[in-house]
C-alpha atoms as a PDB file:
ATOM      1  CA  MET A   1     -25.923 -16.396  39.915  1.00  0.00           C
ATOM      2  CA  ASN A   2     -24.624 -13.744  37.508  1.00  0.00           C
ATOM      3  CA  VAL A   3     -21.050 -14.439  38.631  1.00  0.00           C
ATOM      4  CA  TYR A   4     -21.407 -18.130  37.764  1.00  0.00           C
ATOM      5  CA  LYS A   5     -22.774 -17.252  34.328  1.00  0.00           C
ATOM      6  CA  ASN A   6     -19.833 -14.928  33.638  1.00  0.00           C
ATOM      7  CA  LEU A   7     -17.387 -17.539  34.914  1.00  0.00           C
ATOM      8  CA  ALA A   8     -18.971 -20.215  32.700  1.00  0.00           C
ATOM      9  CA  LEU A   9     -18.797 -17.915  29.668  1.00  0.00           C
ATOM     10  CA  PHE A  10     -15.159 -17.139  30.405  1.00  0.00           C
ATOM     11  CA  ALA A  11     -14.286 -20.841  30.801  1.00  0.00           C
ATOM     12  CA  GLY A  12     -16.156 -21.652  27.587  1.00  0.00           C
ATOM     13  CA  GLY A  13     -14.284 -18.925  25.751  1.00  0.00           C
ATOM     14  CA  VAL A  14     -10.931 -20.188  27.003  1.00  0.00           C
ATOM     15  CA  LEU A  15     -11.814 -23.745  26.006  1.00  0.00           C
ATOM     16  CA  PHE A  16     -13.053 -22.656  22.591  1.00  0.00           C
ATOM     17  CA  GLY A  17      -9.952 -20.487  22.082  1.00  0.00           C
ATOM     18  CA  SER A  18      -7.611 -23.326  23.034  1.00  0.00           C
ATOM     19  CA  ALA A  19      -9.371 -25.718  20.676  1.00  0.00           C
ATOM     20  CA  GLY A  20      -9.272 -23.078  17.941  1.00  0.00           C
ATOM     21  CA  ILE A  21      -5.536 -22.568  18.369  1.00  0.00           C
ATOM     22  CA  LYS A  22      -4.937 -26.316  18.201  1.00  0.00           C
ATOM     23  CA  LEU A  23      -7.086 -26.547  15.086  1.00  0.00           C
ATOM     24  CA  LEU A  24      -5.412 -23.591  13.369  1.00  0.00           C
ATOM     25  CA  SER A  25      -1.916 -24.884  14.092  1.00  0.00           C
ATOM     26  CA  SER A  26      -2.580 -28.467  13.019  1.00  0.00           C
ATOM     27  CA  LYS A  27      -0.693 -30.137  10.175  1.00  0.00           C
ATOM     28  CA  ASP A  28      -3.810 -30.240   7.974  1.00  0.00           C
ATOM     29  CA  ALA A  29      -4.481 -26.553   8.538  1.00  0.00           C
ATOM     30  CA  LYS A  30      -0.881 -25.701   7.606  1.00  0.00           C
ATOM     31  CA  GLN A  31      -1.343 -27.617   4.347  1.00  0.00           C
ATOM     32  CA  VAL A  32      -4.475 -25.594   3.598  1.00  0.00           C
ATOM     33  CA  TYR A  33      -2.603 -22.351   4.338  1.00  0.00           C
ATOM     34  CA  THR A  34       0.262 -23.449   2.089  1.00  0.00           C
ATOM     35  CA  HIS A  35      -2.019 -24.336  -0.823  1.00  0.00           C
ATOM     36  CA  THR A  36      -4.000 -21.118  -0.386  1.00  0.00           C
ATOM     37  CA  THR A  37      -0.806 -19.054  -0.377  1.00  0.00           C
ATOM     38  CA  ALA A  38       0.474 -20.864  -3.478  1.00  0.00           C
ATOM     39  CA  ALA A  39      -2.810 -20.152  -5.276  1.00  0.00           C
ATOM     40  CA  ALA A  40      -2.610 -16.494  -4.266  1.00  0.00           C
ATOM     41  CA  LEU A  41       0.937 -16.266  -5.642  1.00  0.00           C
ATOM     42  CA  ARG A  42      -0.172 -17.842  -8.941  1.00  0.00           C
ATOM     43  CA  MET A  43      -3.046 -15.383  -9.131  1.00  0.00           C
ATOM     44  CA  LYS A  44      -0.671 -12.484  -8.450  1.00  0.00           C
ATOM     45  CA  GLU A  45       1.626 -13.683 -11.236  1.00  0.00           C
ATOM     46  CA  SER A  46      -1.291 -13.894 -13.656  1.00  0.00           C
ATOM     47  CA  VAL A  47      -2.541 -10.437 -12.722  1.00  0.00           C
ATOM     48  CA  MET A  48       0.931  -8.928 -13.081  1.00  0.00           C
ATOM     49  CA  SER A  49       1.280 -10.533 -16.512  1.00  0.00           C
ATOM     50  CA  THR A  50      -2.029  -8.988 -17.569  1.00  0.00           C
ATOM     51  CA  VAL A  51      -1.026  -5.595 -16.162  1.00  0.00           C
ATOM     52  CA  THR A  52       2.271  -5.721 -18.047  1.00  0.00           C
ATOM     53  CA  SER A  53       0.449  -6.543 -21.276  1.00  0.00           C
ATOM     54  CA  VAL A  54      -1.992  -3.668 -20.781  1.00  0.00           C
ATOM     55  CA  GLN A  55       0.876  -1.268 -20.022  1.00  0.00           C
ATOM     56  CA  GLU A  56       2.727  -2.337 -23.169  1.00  0.00           C
ATOM     57  CA  ASN A  57      -0.412  -1.839 -25.274  1.00  0.00           C
ATOM     58  CA  ALA A  58      -1.014   1.568 -23.705  1.00  0.00           C
ATOM     59  CA  ALA A  59       2.577   2.586 -24.470  1.00  0.00           C
ATOM     60  CA  ASP A  60       2.139   1.486 -28.101  1.00  0.00           C
ATOM     61  CA  ILE A  61      -1.112   3.452 -28.389  1.00  0.00           C
ATOM     62  CA  LEU A  62       0.509   6.532 -26.864  1.00  0.00           C
ATOM     63  CA  ALA A  63       3.463   6.341 -29.254  1.00  0.00           C
ATOM     64  CA  ALA A  64       1.159   5.965 -32.255  1.00  0.00           C
ATOM     65  CA  ALA A  65      -0.969   8.900 -31.109  1.00  0.00           C
ATOM     66  CA  LYS A  66       2.119  11.077 -30.724  1.00  0.00           C
ATOM     67  CA  ASP A  67       3.230  10.111 -34.249  1.00  0.00           C
ATOM     68  CA  ILE A  68      -0.192  11.043 -35.632  1.00  0.00           C
ATOM     69  CA  ASN A  69      -0.128  14.414 -33.882  1.00  0.00           C
ATOM     70  CA  GLU A  70       3.425  15.086 -35.034  1.00  0.00           C
ATOM     71  CA  LYS A  71       2.546  14.327 -38.686  1.00  0.00           C
ATOM     72  CA  ARG A  72      -0.566  16.476 -38.409  1.00  0.00           C
ATOM     73  CA  ALA A  73       1.436  19.375 -36.993  1.00  0.00           C
ATOM     74  CA  GLN A  74       3.958  19.058 -39.856  1.00  0.00           C
ATOM     75  CA  GLU A  75       1.147  19.053 -42.425  1.00  0.00           C
ATOM     76  CA  GLU A  76      -0.383  22.138 -40.831  1.00  0.00           C
ATOM     77  CA  GLU A  77       3.004  23.888 -40.913  1.00  0.00           C
ATOM     78  CA  LYS A  78       3.372  23.038 -44.603  1.00  0.00           C
ATOM     79  CA  ALA A  79      -0.146  24.276 -45.307  1.00  0.00           C
ATOM     80  CA  ALA A  80       0.532  27.510 -43.422  1.00  0.00           C
ATOM     81  CA  ALA A  81       3.832  28.003 -45.267  1.00  0.00           C
ATOM     82  CA  GLY A  82       2.049  27.388 -48.580  1.00  0.00           C
ATOM     83  CA  GLU A  83      -0.591  30.022 -47.782  1.00  0.00           C
ATOM     84  CA  GLU A  84       2.111  32.560 -46.926  1.00  0.00           C
ATOM     85  CA  ASN A  85       3.869  31.945 -50.243  1.00  0.00           C
ATOM     86  CA  GLY A  86       0.705  31.761 -52.281  1.00  0.00           C
END
């Protein structure tokens, strides 16, 4: 009896697998895959645009911070030179 149960399960699995392959390779399924892939590519493009914008802003912030530190260092040098002379 156990052999028949295993054989029935195997046959059911083969049948289900064959139907699944037919379903997944159908014309309608290919259209769904195509539209899903197109949406994923649009999403990737949008994300990359946002990442580029964030990187540009970060570069601007870094440059401004370096300028501030450079001016501060120059002011401190002037103040130190003034103390030495004074």
